[in-house]
Every structure is written in structure tokens, then in C-alpha cells.
């Protein structure tokens, strides 16, 4: 049972910022388990092509000026966090989340509360 940030750190997908005093460097990923990173690369490429949510995330990062590899690394991290959440909840992935996990703002009204009977 890992938190999102710990899971990302364990896989080496958490951003590390190089800073010293007033000097600010670029952020990068390092450490962690390189095999996990390697195994997440191709699923991230496929997800960017076929998963609408992850494709939107990737395209938003690219539109914000991020390099392709940085945007793909963000998708890899999202996949890892998603897999960790599915393991914690002991369930499989579905295109549409179950009702108890869906956003309350998007919930449809119950038939008992409708004005149409």
C-alpha cells in the first residue's frame, strides 16, 4: 500500500529538482527501479494513442510546451498511480468507474427523485 508519490519514487518517475541556493536547474527523473520504468514505456505510448483521458493529458502537456519525452513520462506516472490504486482497491480497470468512485457532480438523479414518475 503505497501513496502516489512513494509509488512514483519507487519506480523512479518522481521529478527531482536540481537546485542549490539561488541557482535553479532542470527537473529530471532518477533512481528507482529501472525495470518498472522500461515496462511502463510502451504501455504509455499505446495509452497516448488509444486512451482518451491520457491522450488529453499528453496533448495538454505538449501544448504547454513540454518536450515529448517529458509528457510521456507524466503519462507513465499516471499509469503507475492508476495501477497502484487498482491494486489497493482490489479491482480491475474499467473504461467507466463504478458508481461509488464516480464524481458526485456528474451523478445522474435517481428514478425515485424524478418528476416523471
C-alpha atoms as a PDB file:
ATOM      1  CA  UNK A   1       0.000   0.000   0.000  1.00  0.00           C
ATOM      2  CA  UNK A   2       1.950   2.978  -1.324  1.00  0.00           C
ATOM      3  CA  UNK A   3       0.981   6.604  -1.690  1.00  0.00           C
ATOM      4  CA  UNK A   4       1.060   8.163  -5.147  1.00  0.00           C
ATOM      5  CA  UNK A   5       4.352   9.941  -4.564  1.00  0.00           C
ATOM      6  CA  UNK A   6       6.020   6.896  -2.977  1.00  0.00           C
ATOM      7  CA  UNK A   7       4.948   4.678  -5.876  1.00  0.00           C
ATOM      8  CA  UNK A   8       6.368   7.190  -8.356  1.00  0.00           C
ATOM      9  CA  UNK A   9       9.610   7.448  -6.383  1.00  0.00           C
ATOM     10  CA  UNK A  10       9.934   3.683  -6.186  1.00  0.00           C
ATOM     11  CA  UNK A  11       9.700   3.453  -9.971  1.00  0.00           C
ATOM     12  CA  UNK A  12      11.968   6.460 -10.480  1.00  0.00           C
ATOM     13  CA  UNK A  13       9.203   8.540 -12.079  1.00  0.00           C
ATOM     14  CA  UNK A  14       9.068  11.278  -9.454  1.00  0.00           C
ATOM     15  CA  UNK A  15      10.602  14.591 -10.560  1.00  0.00           C
ATOM     16  CA  UNK A  16      13.833  15.592  -8.822  1.00  0.00           C
ATOM     17  CA  UNK A  17      14.732  19.264  -8.982  1.00  0.00           C
ATOM     18  CA  UNK A  18      18.381  20.334  -9.136  1.00  0.00           C
ATOM     19  CA  UNK A  19      18.700  23.450  -7.013  1.00  0.00           C
ATOM     20  CA  UNK A  20      21.473  24.983  -4.986  1.00  0.00           C
ATOM     21  CA  UNK A  21      20.900  28.303  -3.265  1.00  0.00           C
ATOM     22  CA  UNK A  22      19.564  30.723  -5.863  1.00  0.00           C
ATOM     23  CA  UNK A  23      20.583  28.507  -8.786  1.00  0.00           C
ATOM     24  CA  UNK A  24      17.668  26.621 -10.316  1.00  0.00           C
ATOM     25  CA  UNK A  25      18.288  23.694 -12.662  1.00  0.00           C
ATOM     26  CA  UNK A  26      16.018  21.455 -14.615  1.00  0.00           C
ATOM     27  CA  UNK A  27      13.906  18.726 -13.055  1.00  0.00           C
ATOM     28  CA  UNK A  28      14.609  15.142 -14.060  1.00  0.00           C
ATOM     29  CA  UNK A  29      13.785  11.596 -13.015  1.00  0.00           C
ATOM     30  CA  UNK A  30      16.338   9.319 -11.418  1.00  0.00           C
ATOM     31  CA  UNK A  31      16.787   6.288  -9.219  1.00  0.00           C
ATOM     32  CA  UNK A  32      14.064   3.834  -8.516  1.00  0.00           C
ATOM     33  CA  UNK A  33      13.571   0.588 -10.337  1.00  0.00           C
ATOM     34  CA  UNK A  34      14.607   0.999 -13.948  1.00  0.00           C
ATOM     35  CA  UNK A  35      12.828  -2.212 -14.976  1.00  0.00           C
ATOM     36  CA  UNK A  36       9.486  -0.696 -13.939  1.00  0.00           C
ATOM     37  CA  UNK A  37      10.216   2.426 -15.992  1.00  0.00           C
ATOM     38  CA  UNK A  38      11.140   0.311 -19.012  1.00  0.00           C
ATOM     39  CA  UNK A  39       7.989  -1.765 -18.689  1.00  0.00           C
ATOM     40  CA  UNK A  40       5.783   1.332 -18.471  1.00  0.00           C
ATOM     41  CA  UNK A  41       7.204   2.999 -21.581  1.00  0.00           C
ATOM     42  CA  UNK A  42       5.350   1.075 -24.311  1.00  0.00           C
ATOM     43  CA  UNK A  43       2.020   0.945 -22.423  1.00  0.00           C
ATOM     44  CA  UNK A  44       2.291   4.735 -22.086  1.00  0.00           C
ATOM     45  CA  UNK A  45       2.880   5.111 -25.832  1.00  0.00           C
ATOM     46  CA  UNK A  46      -0.163   2.932 -26.566  1.00  0.00           C
ATOM     47  CA  UNK A  47      -2.268   4.746 -23.934  1.00  0.00           C
ATOM     48  CA  UNK A  48      -1.473   8.113 -25.517  1.00  0.00           C
ATOM     49  CA  UNK A  49      -2.825   6.777 -28.808  1.00  0.00           C
ATOM     50  CA  UNK A  50      -5.905   4.918 -27.564  1.00  0.00           C
ATOM     51  CA  UNK A  51      -6.970   6.132 -24.086  1.00  0.00           C
ATOM     52  CA  UNK A  52      -8.915   9.407 -24.409  1.00  0.00           C
ATOM     53  CA  UNK A  53      -8.090  10.654 -20.886  1.00  0.00           C
ATOM     54  CA  UNK A  54      -4.361  10.004 -21.133  1.00  0.00           C
ATOM     55  CA  UNK A  55      -4.294  11.337 -24.683  1.00  0.00           C
ATOM     56  CA  UNK A  56      -5.838  14.608 -23.443  1.00  0.00           C
ATOM     57  CA  UNK A  57      -3.239  14.802 -20.661  1.00  0.00           C
ATOM     58  CA  UNK A  58      -0.374  14.208 -23.105  1.00  0.00           C
ATOM     59  CA  UNK A  59      -1.691  16.745 -25.613  1.00  0.00           C
ATOM     60  CA  UNK A  60      -2.219  19.361 -22.881  1.00  0.00           C
ATOM     61  CA  UNK A  61       1.377  18.965 -21.725  1.00  0.00           C
ATOM     62  CA  UNK A  62       2.645  19.205 -25.298  1.00  0.00           C
ATOM     63  CA  UNK A  63       0.516  22.318 -25.883  1.00  0.00           C
ATOM     64  CA  UNK A  64       2.062  23.814 -22.735  1.00  0.00           C
ATOM     65  CA  UNK A  65       5.486  23.451 -24.362  1.00  0.00           C
ATOM     66  CA  UNK A  66       6.723  20.289 -22.669  1.00  0.00           C
ATOM     67  CA  UNK A  67       9.031  18.027 -24.697  1.00  0.00           C
ATOM     68  CA  UNK A  68       7.503  14.733 -25.888  1.00  0.00           C
ATOM     69  CA  UNK A  69       9.563  12.585 -23.505  1.00  0.00           C
ATOM     70  CA  UNK A  70       8.564  14.720 -20.504  1.00  0.00           C
ATOM     71  CA  UNK A  71       4.886  14.444 -21.440  1.00  0.00           C
ATOM     72  CA  UNK A  72       5.253  10.697 -21.945  1.00  0.00           C
ATOM     73  CA  UNK A  73       6.945  10.358 -18.548  1.00  0.00           C
ATOM     74  CA  UNK A  74       3.945  12.105 -16.985  1.00  0.00           C
ATOM     75  CA  UNK A  75       1.657   9.547 -18.655  1.00  0.00           C
ATOM     76  CA  UNK A  76       3.884   6.738 -17.354  1.00  0.00           C
ATOM     77  CA  UNK A  77       3.497   8.136 -13.851  1.00  0.00           C
ATOM     78  CA  UNK A  78      -0.286   8.354 -14.254  1.00  0.00           C
ATOM     79  CA  UNK A  79      -0.387   4.709 -15.360  1.00  0.00           C
ATOM     80  CA  UNK A  80       1.678   3.671 -12.349  1.00  0.00           C
ATOM     81  CA  UNK A  81      -0.553   5.614  -9.947  1.00  0.00           C
ATOM     82  CA  UNK A  82      -3.642   4.099 -11.592  1.00  0.00           C
ATOM     83  CA  UNK A  83      -2.236   0.576 -11.259  1.00  0.00           C
ATOM     84  CA  UNK A  84      -1.371   1.218  -7.604  1.00  0.00           C
ATOM     85  CA  UNK A  85      -4.912   2.465  -6.911  1.00  0.00           C
ATOM     86  CA  UNK A  86      -6.450  -0.570  -8.617  1.00  0.00           C
ATOM     87  CA  UNK A  87      -4.318  -2.917  -6.518  1.00  0.00           C
ATOM     88  CA  UNK A  88      -5.247  -1.050  -3.330  1.00  0.00           C
ATOM     89  CA  UNK A  89      -8.959  -1.246  -4.154  1.00  0.00           C
ATOM     90  CA  UNK A  90      -8.655  -4.875  -5.326  1.00  0.00           C
ATOM     91  CA  UNK A  91     -10.457  -4.249  -8.598  1.00  0.00           C
ATOM     92  CA  UNK A  92      -9.816  -4.286 -12.325  1.00  0.00           C
ATOM     93  CA  UNK A  93      -9.744  -1.295 -14.635  1.00  0.00           C
ATOM     94  CA  UNK A  94     -12.919  -0.343 -16.462  1.00  0.00           C
ATOM     95  CA  UNK A  95     -13.460   2.406 -19.003  1.00  0.00           C
ATOM     96  CA  UNK A  96     -16.109   3.934 -16.736  1.00  0.00           C
ATOM     97  CA  UNK A  97     -15.503   3.889 -12.964  1.00  0.00           C
ATOM     98  CA  UNK A  98     -18.066   2.202 -10.711  1.00  0.00           C
ATOM     99  CA  UNK A  99     -20.779   4.461  -9.287  1.00  0.00           C
ATOM    100  CA  UNK A 100     -19.195   4.700  -5.828  1.00  0.00           C
ATOM    101  CA  UNK A 101     -15.988   6.077  -7.380  1.00  0.00           C
ATOM    102  CA  UNK A 102     -17.624   8.438  -9.880  1.00  0.00           C
ATOM    103  CA  UNK A 103     -17.760  12.177  -9.425  1.00  0.00           C
ATOM    104  CA  UNK A 104     -20.874  13.243  -7.445  1.00  0.00           C
ATOM    105  CA  UNK A 105     -21.288  16.302  -9.658  1.00  0.00           C
ATOM    106  CA  UNK A 106     -21.785  14.046 -12.686  1.00  0.00           C
ATOM    107  CA  UNK A 107     -24.105  11.538 -10.986  1.00  0.00           C
ATOM    108  CA  UNK A 108     -27.467  11.041 -12.598  1.00  0.00           C
ATOM    109  CA  UNK A 109     -30.549  11.596 -10.421  1.00  0.00           C
ATOM    110  CA  UNK A 110     -32.266   8.504  -9.090  1.00  0.00           C
ATOM    111  CA  UNK A 111     -35.614   7.448 -10.641  1.00  0.00           C
ATOM    112  CA  UNK A 112     -37.354   7.900  -7.265  1.00  0.00           C
ATOM    113  CA  UNK A 113     -36.489  11.589  -7.234  1.00  0.00           C
ATOM    114  CA  UNK A 114     -37.522  12.320 -10.796  1.00  0.00           C
ATOM    115  CA  UNK A 115     -40.616  14.324 -11.651  1.00  0.00           C
ATOM    116  CA  UNK A 116     -41.617  11.914 -14.420  1.00  0.00           C
ATOM    117  CA  UNK A 117     -42.747   9.121 -12.160  1.00  0.00           C
END
